[in-house]
């Protein structure tokens, strides 16, 4: 049976002060990880948190109720919206 490994193809280089490198090495050693593994794990966790904060919408109870009420109302197409749809259809050729 052949083991399938994730092939790492991308690289990120960074320059840092000796004190920062020493701190990262110390923290990595506490967790029994390589510095690269420690940095990657930490950066990925922070990146996921950042992306979630920017993609998720949080509403209080009042705003949540207003949002759901607006979604439940039938759509009213006004002239501006119809014109925008028509312009979109003219500009976009591939579907």
PDB file of N, CA and C in Angstrom:
ATOM      1  N   UNK A   1       0.846  -1.180   0.000  1.00  0.00           N
ATOM      2  CA  UNK A   1       0.000   0.000   0.000  1.00  0.00           C
ATOM      3  C   UNK A   1       0.887   1.237   0.000  1.00  0.00           C
ATOM      4  N   UNK A   2       0.582   2.206  -0.849  1.00  0.00           N
ATOM      5  CA  UNK A   2       1.376   3.416  -0.975  1.00  0.00           C
ATOM      6  C   UNK A   2       0.760   4.529  -0.145  1.00  0.00           C
ATOM      7  N   UNK A   3       1.599   5.215   0.603  1.00  0.00           N
ATOM      8  CA  UNK A   3       1.116   6.338   1.400  1.00  0.00           C
ATOM      9  C   UNK A   3       0.993   7.562   0.510  1.00  0.00           C
ATOM     10  N   UNK A   4      -0.133   8.241   0.606  1.00  0.00           N
ATOM     11  CA  UNK A   4      -0.349   9.461  -0.167  1.00  0.00           C
ATOM     12  C   UNK A   4      -0.041  10.643   0.745  1.00  0.00           C
ATOM     13  N   UNK A   5       0.872  11.498   0.285  1.00  0.00           N
ATOM     14  CA  UNK A   5       1.256  12.664   1.077  1.00  0.00           C
ATOM     15  C   UNK A   5       0.762  13.923   0.400  1.00  0.00           C
ATOM     16  N   UNK A   6       0.447  14.924   1.206  1.00  0.00           N
ATOM     17  CA  UNK A   6       0.133  16.236   0.649  1.00  0.00           C
ATOM     18  C   UNK A   6       1.435  16.850   0.166  1.00  0.00           C
ATOM     19  N   UNK A   7       1.466  17.216  -1.084  1.00  0.00           N
ATOM     20  CA  UNK A   7       2.676  17.825  -1.640  1.00  0.00           C
ATOM     21  C   UNK A   7       2.580  19.329  -1.451  1.00  0.00           C
ATOM     22  N   UNK A   8       3.523  19.856  -0.733  1.00  0.00           N
ATOM     23  CA  UNK A   8       3.561  21.293  -0.483  1.00  0.00           C
ATOM     24  C   UNK A   8       4.313  21.948  -1.625  1.00  0.00           C
ATOM     25  N   UNK A   9       3.648  22.843  -2.327  1.00  0.00           N
ATOM     26  CA  UNK A   9       4.257  23.461  -3.492  1.00  0.00           C
ATOM     27  C   UNK A   9       4.475  24.959  -3.340  1.00  0.00           C
ATOM     28  N   UNK A  10       3.841  25.564  -2.396  1.00  0.00           N
ATOM     29  CA  UNK A  10       3.944  27.012  -2.245  1.00  0.00           C
ATOM     30  C   UNK A  10       4.894  27.362  -1.109  1.00  0.00           C
ATOM     31  N   UNK A  11       5.501  28.535  -1.217  1.00  0.00           N
ATOM     32  CA  UNK A  11       6.476  28.961  -0.227  1.00  0.00           C
ATOM     33  C   UNK A  11       6.220  30.420   0.117  1.00  0.00           C
ATOM     34  N   UNK A  12       6.406  30.748   1.378  1.00  0.00           N
ATOM     35  CA  UNK A  12       6.350  32.134   1.845  1.00  0.00           C
ATOM     36  C   UNK A  12       7.621  32.389   2.635  1.00  0.00           C
ATOM     37  N   UNK A  13       8.307  33.445   2.288  1.00  0.00           N
ATOM     38  CA  UNK A  13       9.518  33.823   3.016  1.00  0.00           C
ATOM     39  C   UNK A  13       9.244  35.099   3.801  1.00  0.00           C
ATOM     40  N   UNK A  14       9.844  35.225   4.956  1.00  0.00           N
ATOM     41  CA  UNK A  14       9.704  36.461   5.705  1.00  0.00           C
ATOM     42  C   UNK A  14      10.990  36.780   6.446  1.00  0.00           C
ATOM     43  N   UNK A  15      11.201  38.044   6.633  1.00  0.00           N
ATOM     44  CA  UNK A  15      12.364  38.515   7.392  1.00  0.00           C
ATOM     45  C   UNK A  15      11.854  39.031   8.735  1.00  0.00           C
ATOM     46  N   UNK A  16      12.609  38.727   9.779  1.00  0.00           N
ATOM     47  CA  UNK A  16      12.201  39.158  11.100  1.00  0.00           C
ATOM     48  C   UNK A  16      13.415  39.417  11.970  1.00  0.00           C
ATOM     49  N   UNK A  17      13.186  40.110  13.044  1.00  0.00           N
ATOM     50  CA  UNK A  17      14.264  40.419  13.981  1.00  0.00           C
ATOM     51  C   UNK A  17      14.663  39.150  14.720  1.00  0.00           C
ATOM     52  N   UNK A  18      15.913  39.101  15.172  1.00  0.00           N
ATOM     53  CA  UNK A  18      16.386  37.910  15.899  1.00  0.00           C
ATOM     54  C   UNK A  18      15.525  37.575  17.123  1.00  0.00           C
ATOM     55  N   UNK A  19      15.022  38.602  17.795  1.00  0.00           N
ATOM     56  CA  UNK A  19      14.195  38.354  18.986  1.00  0.00           C
ATOM     57  C   UNK A  19      12.885  37.664  18.600  1.00  0.00           C
ATOM     58  N   UNK A  20      12.319  38.064  17.469  1.00  0.00           N
ATOM     59  CA  UNK A  20      11.071  37.447  17.015  1.00  0.00           C
ATOM     60  C   UNK A  20      11.314  35.991  16.634  1.00  0.00           C
ATOM     61  N   UNK A  21      12.425  35.739  15.971  1.00  0.00           N
ATOM     62  CA  UNK A  21      12.746  34.365  15.585  1.00  0.00           C
ATOM     63  C   UNK A  21      12.953  33.499  16.828  1.00  0.00           C
ATOM     64  N   UNK A  22      13.658  34.039  17.792  1.00  0.00           N
ATOM     65  CA  UNK A  22      13.902  33.287  19.032  1.00  0.00           C
ATOM     66  C   UNK A  22      12.588  32.972  19.749  1.00  0.00           C
ATOM     67  N   UNK A  23      11.680  33.933  19.757  1.00  0.00           N
ATOM     68  CA  UNK A  23      10.385  33.720  20.404  1.00  0.00           C
ATOM     69  C   UNK A  23       9.588  32.637  19.677  1.00  0.00           C
ATOM     70  N   UNK A  24       9.594  32.683  18.354  1.00  0.00           N
ATOM     71  CA  UNK A  24       8.891  31.659  17.581  1.00  0.00           C
ATOM     72  C   UNK A  24       9.502  30.275  17.799  1.00  0.00           C
ATOM     73  N   UNK A  25      10.819  30.211  17.837  1.00  0.00           N
ATOM     74  CA  UNK A  25      11.495  28.934  18.086  1.00  0.00           C
ATOM     75  C   UNK A  25      11.145  28.399  19.470  1.00  0.00           C
ATOM     76  N   UNK A  26      11.095  29.282  20.443  1.00  0.00           N
ATOM     77  CA  UNK A  26      10.770  28.867  21.813  1.00  0.00           C
ATOM     78  C   UNK A  26       9.333  28.357  21.897  1.00  0.00           C
ATOM     79  N   UNK A  27       8.408  29.105  21.292  1.00  0.00           N
ATOM     80  CA  UNK A  27       6.998  28.700  21.318  1.00  0.00           C
ATOM     81  C   UNK A  27       6.806  27.373  20.588  1.00  0.00           C
ATOM     82  N   UNK A  28       7.464  27.214  19.452  1.00  0.00           N
ATOM     83  CA  UNK A  28       7.355  25.967  18.690  1.00  0.00           C
ATOM     84  C   UNK A  28       7.870  24.799  19.509  1.00  0.00           C
ATOM     85  N   UNK A  29       8.970  24.994  20.217  1.00  0.00           N
ATOM     86  CA  UNK A  29       9.539  23.902  21.021  1.00  0.00           C
ATOM     87  C   UNK A  29       8.601  23.500  22.155  1.00  0.00           C
ATOM     88  N   UNK A  30       7.890  24.462  22.735  1.00  0.00           N
ATOM     89  CA  UNK A  30       6.927  24.137  23.793  1.00  0.00           C
ATOM     90  C   UNK A  30       5.830  23.220  23.276  1.00  0.00           C
ATOM     91  N   UNK A  31       5.473  23.371  22.006  1.00  0.00           N
ATOM     92  CA  UNK A  31       4.402  22.552  21.426  1.00  0.00           C
ATOM     93  C   UNK A  31       4.940  21.345  20.669  1.00  0.00           C
ATOM     94  N   UNK A  32       6.255  21.167  20.691  1.00  0.00           N
ATOM     95  CA  UNK A  32       6.854  20.022  20.012  1.00  0.00           C
ATOM     96  C   UNK A  32       6.723  20.091  18.503  1.00  0.00           C
ATOM     97  N   UNK A  33       6.740  21.296  17.957  1.00  0.00           N
ATOM     98  CA  UNK A  33       6.583  21.488  16.521  1.00  0.00           C
ATOM     99  C   UNK A  33       7.832  22.136  15.941  1.00  0.00           C
ATOM    100  N   UNK A  34       7.968  22.010  14.627  1.00  0.00           N
ATOM    101  CA  UNK A  34       9.008  22.780  13.954  1.00  0.00           C
ATOM    102  C   UNK A  34       8.536  24.231  13.899  1.00  0.00           C
ATOM    103  N   UNK A  35       9.461  25.134  13.666  1.00  0.00           N
ATOM    104  CA  UNK A  35       9.079  26.543  13.555  1.00  0.00           C
ATOM    105  C   UNK A  35       8.110  26.725  12.383  1.00  0.00           C
ATOM    106  N   UNK A  36       8.402  26.072  11.262  1.00  0.00           N
ATOM    107  CA  UNK A  36       7.507  26.185  10.102  1.00  0.00           C
ATOM    108  C   UNK A  36       6.105  25.694  10.436  1.00  0.00           C
ATOM    109  N   UNK A  37       6.028  24.548  11.088  1.00  0.00           N
ATOM    110  CA  UNK A  37       4.729  23.993  11.458  1.00  0.00           C
ATOM    111  C   UNK A  37       4.005  24.906  12.436  1.00  0.00           C
ATOM    112  N   UNK A  38       4.721  25.444  13.403  1.00  0.00           N
ATOM    113  CA  UNK A  38       4.129  26.343  14.388  1.00  0.00           C
ATOM    114  C   UNK A  38       3.583  27.603  13.708  1.00  0.00           C
ATOM    115  N   UNK A  39       4.385  28.198  12.826  1.00  0.00           N
ATOM    116  CA  UNK A  39       3.961  29.415  12.141  1.00  0.00           C
ATOM    117  C   UNK A  39       2.751  29.123  11.254  1.00  0.00           C
ATOM    118  N   UNK A  40       2.797  28.021  10.513  1.00  0.00           N
ATOM    119  CA  UNK A  40       1.691  27.685   9.623  1.00  0.00           C
ATOM    120  C   UNK A  40       0.403  27.449  10.406  1.00  0.00           C
ATOM    121  N   UNK A  41       0.485  26.675  11.477  1.00  0.00           N
ATOM    122  CA  UNK A  41      -0.693  26.392  12.296  1.00  0.00           C
ATOM    123  C   UNK A  41      -1.282  27.675  12.870  1.00  0.00           C
ATOM    124  N   UNK A  42      -0.418  28.519  13.412  1.00  0.00           N
ATOM    125  CA  UNK A  42      -0.874  29.782  14.011  1.00  0.00           C
ATOM    126  C   UNK A  42      -1.462  30.714  12.965  1.00  0.00           C
ATOM    127  N   UNK A  43      -0.795  30.827  11.827  1.00  0.00           N
ATOM    128  CA  UNK A  43      -1.263  31.721  10.766  1.00  0.00           C
ATOM    129  C   UNK A  43      -2.592  31.239  10.190  1.00  0.00           C
ATOM    130  N   UNK A  44      -2.732  29.934   9.996  1.00  0.00           N
ATOM    131  CA  UNK A  44      -3.977  29.400   9.441  1.00  0.00           C
ATOM    132  C   UNK A  44      -5.150  29.638  10.401  1.00  0.00           C
ATOM    133  N   UNK A  45      -4.919  29.435  11.684  1.00  0.00           N
ATOM    134  CA  UNK A  45      -5.991  29.664  12.664  1.00  0.00           C
ATOM    135  C   UNK A  45      -6.414  31.128  12.640  1.00  0.00           C
ATOM    136  N   UNK A  46      -5.435  32.031  12.583  1.00  0.00           N
ATOM    137  CA  UNK A  46      -5.746  33.461  12.550  1.00  0.00           C
ATOM    138  C   UNK A  46      -6.419  33.839  11.238  1.00  0.00           C
ATOM    139  N   UNK A  47      -5.983  33.254  10.130  1.00  0.00           N
ATOM    140  CA  UNK A  47      -6.578  33.544   8.824  1.00  0.00           C
ATOM    141  C   UNK A  47      -8.040  33.092   8.783  1.00  0.00           C
ATOM    142  N   UNK A  48      -8.311  31.896   9.305  1.00  0.00           N
ATOM    143  CA  UNK A  48      -9.696  31.405   9.334  1.00  0.00           C
ATOM    144  C   UNK A  48     -10.581  32.318  10.174  1.00  0.00           C
ATOM    145  N   UNK A  49     -10.060  32.772  11.293  1.00  0.00           N
ATOM    146  CA  UNK A  49     -10.810  33.685  12.168  1.00  0.00           C
ATOM    147  C   UNK A  49     -11.097  34.993  11.441  1.00  0.00           C
ATOM    148  N   UNK A  50     -10.081  35.545  10.772  1.00  0.00           N
ATOM    149  CA  UNK A  50     -10.237  36.802  10.048  1.00  0.00           C
ATOM    150  C   UNK A  50     -11.261  36.669   8.932  1.00  0.00           C
ATOM    151  N   UNK A  51     -11.165  35.604   8.151  1.00  0.00           N
ATOM    152  CA  UNK A  51     -12.106  35.394   7.054  1.00  0.00           C
ATOM    153  C   UNK A  51     -13.523  35.251   7.602  1.00  0.00           C
ATOM    154  N   UNK A  52     -13.682  34.479   8.668  1.00  0.00           N
ATOM    155  CA  UNK A  52     -15.007  34.297   9.263  1.00  0.00           C
ATOM    156  C   UNK A  52     -15.581  35.634   9.738  1.00  0.00           C
ATOM    157  N   UNK A  53     -14.768  36.465  10.358  1.00  0.00           N
ATOM    158  CA  UNK A  53     -15.233  37.761  10.857  1.00  0.00           C
ATOM    159  C   UNK A  53     -15.710  38.664   9.722  1.00  0.00           C
ATOM    160  N   UNK A  54     -15.097  38.519   8.555  1.00  0.00           N
ATOM    161  CA  UNK A  54     -15.467  39.387   7.432  1.00  0.00           C
ATOM    162  C   UNK A  54     -16.577  38.795   6.569  1.00  0.00           C
ATOM    163  N   UNK A  55     -16.812  37.508   6.677  1.00  0.00           N
ATOM    164  CA  UNK A  55     -17.842  36.878   5.859  1.00  0.00           C
ATOM    165  C   UNK A  55     -19.130  36.594   6.626  1.00  0.00           C
ATOM    166  N   UNK A  56     -19.064  36.588   7.919  1.00  0.00           N
ATOM    167  CA  UNK A  56     -20.250  36.295   8.729  1.00  0.00           C
ATOM    168  C   UNK A  56     -20.953  37.599   9.115  1.00  0.00           C
ATOM    169  N   UNK A  57     -22.270  37.536   9.174  1.00  0.00           N
ATOM    170  CA  UNK A  57     -23.037  38.704   9.563  1.00  0.00           C
ATOM    171  C   UNK A  57     -23.661  38.429  10.929  1.00  0.00           C
ATOM    172  N   UNK A  58     -23.463  39.341  11.837  1.00  0.00           N
ATOM    173  CA  UNK A  58     -24.047  39.188  13.171  1.00  0.00           C
ATOM    174  C   UNK A  58     -25.073  40.290  13.389  1.00  0.00           C
ATOM    175  N   UNK A  59     -26.248  39.879  13.771  1.00  0.00           N
ATOM    176  CA  UNK A  59     -27.316  40.840  14.008  1.00  0.00           C
ATOM    177  C   UNK A  59     -27.888  40.647  15.404  1.00  0.00           C
ATOM    178  N   UNK A  60     -28.296  41.757  16.013  1.00  0.00           N
ATOM    179  CA  UNK A  60     -28.999  41.626  17.281  1.00  0.00           C
ATOM    180  C   UNK A  60     -30.427  41.172  16.979  1.00  0.00           C
ATOM    181  N   UNK A  61     -31.199  40.896  17.996  1.00  0.00           N
ATOM    182  CA  UNK A  61     -32.543  40.336  17.811  1.00  0.00           C
ATOM    183  C   UNK A  61     -33.426  41.258  16.972  1.00  0.00           C
ATOM    184  N   UNK A  62     -33.374  42.558  17.227  1.00  0.00           N
ATOM    185  CA  UNK A  62     -34.219  43.508  16.507  1.00  0.00           C
ATOM    186  C   UNK A  62     -33.834  43.542  15.023  1.00  0.00           C
ATOM    187  N   UNK A  63     -32.546  43.649  14.740  1.00  0.00           N
ATOM    188  CA  UNK A  63     -32.082  43.701  13.354  1.00  0.00           C
ATOM    189  C   UNK A  63     -32.321  42.382  12.639  1.00  0.00           C
ATOM    190  N   UNK A  64     -32.163  41.281  13.360  1.00  0.00           N
ATOM    191  CA  UNK A  64     -32.408  39.970  12.780  1.00  0.00           C
ATOM    192  C   UNK A  64     -33.867  39.832  12.360  1.00  0.00           C
ATOM    193  N   UNK A  65     -34.757  40.290  13.202  1.00  0.00           N
ATOM    194  CA  UNK A  65     -36.189  40.238  12.894  1.00  0.00           C
ATOM    195  C   UNK A  65     -36.510  41.103  11.673  1.00  0.00           C
ATOM    196  N   UNK A  66     -35.940  42.295  11.608  1.00  0.00           N
ATOM    197  CA  UNK A  66     -36.173  43.195  10.472  1.00  0.00           C
ATOM    198  C   UNK A  66     -35.620  42.590   9.183  1.00  0.00           C
ATOM    199  N   UNK A  67     -34.467  41.957   9.273  1.00  0.00           N
ATOM    200  CA  UNK A  67     -33.853  41.331   8.100  1.00  0.00           C
ATOM    201  C   UNK A  67     -34.722  40.193   7.580  1.00  0.00           C
ATOM    202  N   UNK A  68     -35.170  39.320   8.475  1.00  0.00           N
ATOM    203  CA  UNK A  68     -36.016  38.197   8.074  1.00  0.00           C
ATOM    204  C   UNK A  68     -37.358  38.676   7.524  1.00  0.00           C
ATOM    205  N   UNK A  69     -37.886  39.738   8.093  1.00  0.00           N
ATOM    206  CA  UNK A  69     -39.148  40.299   7.598  1.00  0.00           C
ATOM    207  C   UNK A  69     -38.963  40.843   6.174  1.00  0.00           C
ATOM    208  N   UNK A  70     -37.846  41.519   5.939  1.00  0.00           N
ATOM    209  CA  UNK A  70     -37.571  42.049   4.603  1.00  0.00           C
ATOM    210  C   UNK A  70     -37.407  40.920   3.595  1.00  0.00           C
ATOM    211  N   UNK A  71     -36.786  39.824   3.998  1.00  0.00           N
ATOM    212  CA  UNK A  71     -36.610  38.681   3.091  1.00  0.00           C
ATOM    213  C   UNK A  71     -37.935  38.017   2.735  1.00  0.00           C
ATOM    214  N   UNK A  72     -38.879  38.060   3.654  1.00  0.00           N
ATOM    215  CA  UNK A  72     -40.145  37.363   3.430  1.00  0.00           C
ATOM    216  C   UNK A  72     -41.103  38.161   2.558  1.00  0.00           C
ATOM    217  N   UNK A  73     -40.832  39.456   2.350  1.00  0.00           N
ATOM    218  CA  UNK A  73     -41.710  40.275   1.512  1.00  0.00           C
ATOM    219  C   UNK A  73     -41.451  39.975   0.041  1.00  0.00           C
ATOM    220  N   UNK A  74     -42.491  40.057  -0.773  1.00  0.00           N
ATOM    221  CA  UNK A  74     -42.289  39.835  -2.206  1.00  0.00           C
ATOM    222  C   UNK A  74     -41.409  40.941  -2.806  1.00  0.00           C
ATOM    223  N   UNK A  75     -40.655  40.568  -3.825  1.00  0.00           N
ATOM    224  CA  UNK A  75     -39.756  41.514  -4.477  1.00  0.00           C
ATOM    225  C   UNK A  75     -40.571  42.494  -5.308  1.00  0.00           C
ATOM    226  N   UNK A  76     -40.225  43.759  -5.194  1.00  0.00           N
ATOM    227  CA  UNK A  76     -40.878  44.778  -6.009  1.00  0.00           C
ATOM    228  C   UNK A  76     -39.834  45.325  -6.972  1.00  0.00           C
ATOM    229  N   UNK A  77     -40.036  45.049  -8.250  1.00  0.00           N
ATOM    230  CA  UNK A  77     -39.084  45.498  -9.259  1.00  0.00           C
ATOM    231  C   UNK A  77     -39.469  46.897  -9.723  1.00  0.00           C
ATOM    232  N   UNK A  78     -38.620  47.873  -9.411  1.00  0.00           N
ATOM    233  CA  UNK A  78     -38.873  49.223  -9.874  1.00  0.00           C
ATOM    234  C   UNK A  78     -38.123  49.451 -11.193  1.00  0.00           C
ATOM    235  N   UNK A  79     -38.328  50.605 -11.805  1.00  0.00           N
ATOM    236  CA  UNK A  79     -37.740  50.889 -13.114  1.00  0.00           C
ATOM    237  C   UNK A  79     -36.214  50.824 -13.061  1.00  0.00           C
ATOM    238  N   UNK A  80     -35.618  51.348 -12.008  1.00  0.00           N
ATOM    239  CA  UNK A  80     -34.155  51.339 -11.893  1.00  0.00           C
ATOM    240  C   UNK A  80     -33.604  49.911 -11.887  1.00  0.00           C
ATOM    241  N   UNK A  81     -34.265  49.042 -11.150  1.00  0.00           N
ATOM    242  CA  UNK A  81     -33.815  47.652 -11.071  1.00  0.00           C
ATOM    243  C   UNK A  81     -34.006  46.940 -12.408  1.00  0.00           C
ATOM    244  N   UNK A  82     -35.143  47.177 -13.046  1.00  0.00           N
ATOM    245  CA  UNK A  82     -35.381  46.574 -14.359  1.00  0.00           C
ATOM    246  C   UNK A  82     -34.366  47.065 -15.386  1.00  0.00           C
ATOM    247  N   UNK A  83     -34.026  48.358 -15.325  1.00  0.00           N
ATOM    248  CA  UNK A  83     -33.010  48.911 -16.231  1.00  0.00           C
ATOM    249  C   UNK A  83     -31.645  48.271 -15.963  1.00  0.00           C
ATOM    250  N   UNK A  84     -31.333  48.033 -14.695  1.00  0.00           N
ATOM    251  CA  UNK A  84     -30.061  47.398 -14.341  1.00  0.00           C
ATOM    252  C   UNK A  84     -30.002  45.972 -14.866  1.00  0.00           C
ATOM    253  N   UNK A  85     -31.105  45.237 -14.764  1.00  0.00           N
ATOM    254  CA  UNK A  85     -31.157  43.881 -15.316  1.00  0.00           C
ATOM    255  C   UNK A  85     -30.943  43.904 -16.826  1.00  0.00           C
ATOM    256  N   UNK A  86     -31.596  44.850 -17.487  1.00  0.00           N
ATOM    257  CA  UNK A  86     -31.477  44.947 -18.937  1.00  0.00           C
ATOM    258  C   UNK A  86     -30.040  45.289 -19.336  1.00  0.00           C
ATOM    259  N   UNK A  87     -29.436  46.233 -18.622  1.00  0.00           N
ATOM    260  CA  UNK A  87     -28.045  46.604 -18.909  1.00  0.00           C
ATOM    261  C   UNK A  87     -27.109  45.407 -18.679  1.00  0.00           C
ATOM    262  N   UNK A  88     -27.369  44.661 -17.622  1.00  0.00           N
ATOM    263  CA  UNK A  88     -26.561  43.479 -17.332  1.00  0.00           C
ATOM    264  C   UNK A  88     -26.655  42.484 -18.490  1.00  0.00           C
ATOM    265  N   UNK A  89     -27.863  42.244 -18.956  1.00  0.00           N
ATOM    266  CA  UNK A  89     -28.057  41.297 -20.058  1.00  0.00           C
ATOM    267  C   UNK A  89     -27.329  41.748 -21.318  1.00  0.00           C
ATOM    268  N   UNK A  90     -27.261  43.040 -21.527  1.00  0.00           N
ATOM    269  CA  UNK A  90     -26.565  43.558 -22.714  1.00  0.00           C
ATOM    270  C   UNK A  90     -25.046  43.432 -22.570  1.00  0.00           C
ATOM    271  N   UNK A  91     -24.537  43.630 -21.367  1.00  0.00           N
ATOM    272  CA  UNK A  91     -23.084  43.608 -21.144  1.00  0.00           C
ATOM    273  C   UNK A  91     -22.524  42.190 -21.035  1.00  0.00           C
ATOM    274  N   UNK A  92     -23.267  41.303 -20.403  1.00  0.00           N
ATOM    275  CA  UNK A  92     -22.783  39.956 -20.156  1.00  0.00           C
ATOM    276  C   UNK A  92     -23.171  39.066 -21.325  1.00  0.00           C
ATOM    277  N   UNK A  93     -22.165  38.536 -21.998  1.00  0.00           N
ATOM    278  CA  UNK A  93     -22.436  37.715 -23.174  1.00  0.00           C
ATOM    279  C   UNK A  93     -22.347  36.218 -22.879  1.00  0.00           C
ATOM    280  N   UNK A  94     -21.575  35.823 -21.895  1.00  0.00           N
ATOM    281  CA  UNK A  94     -21.453  34.396 -21.578  1.00  0.00           C
ATOM    282  C   UNK A  94     -22.285  34.052 -20.357  1.00  0.00           C
ATOM    283  N   UNK A  95     -22.860  32.869 -20.382  1.00  0.00           N
ATOM    284  CA  UNK A  95     -23.671  32.427 -19.238  1.00  0.00           C
ATOM    285  C   UNK A  95     -23.352  31.018 -18.901  1.00  0.00           C
TER     286      UNK A  95
END
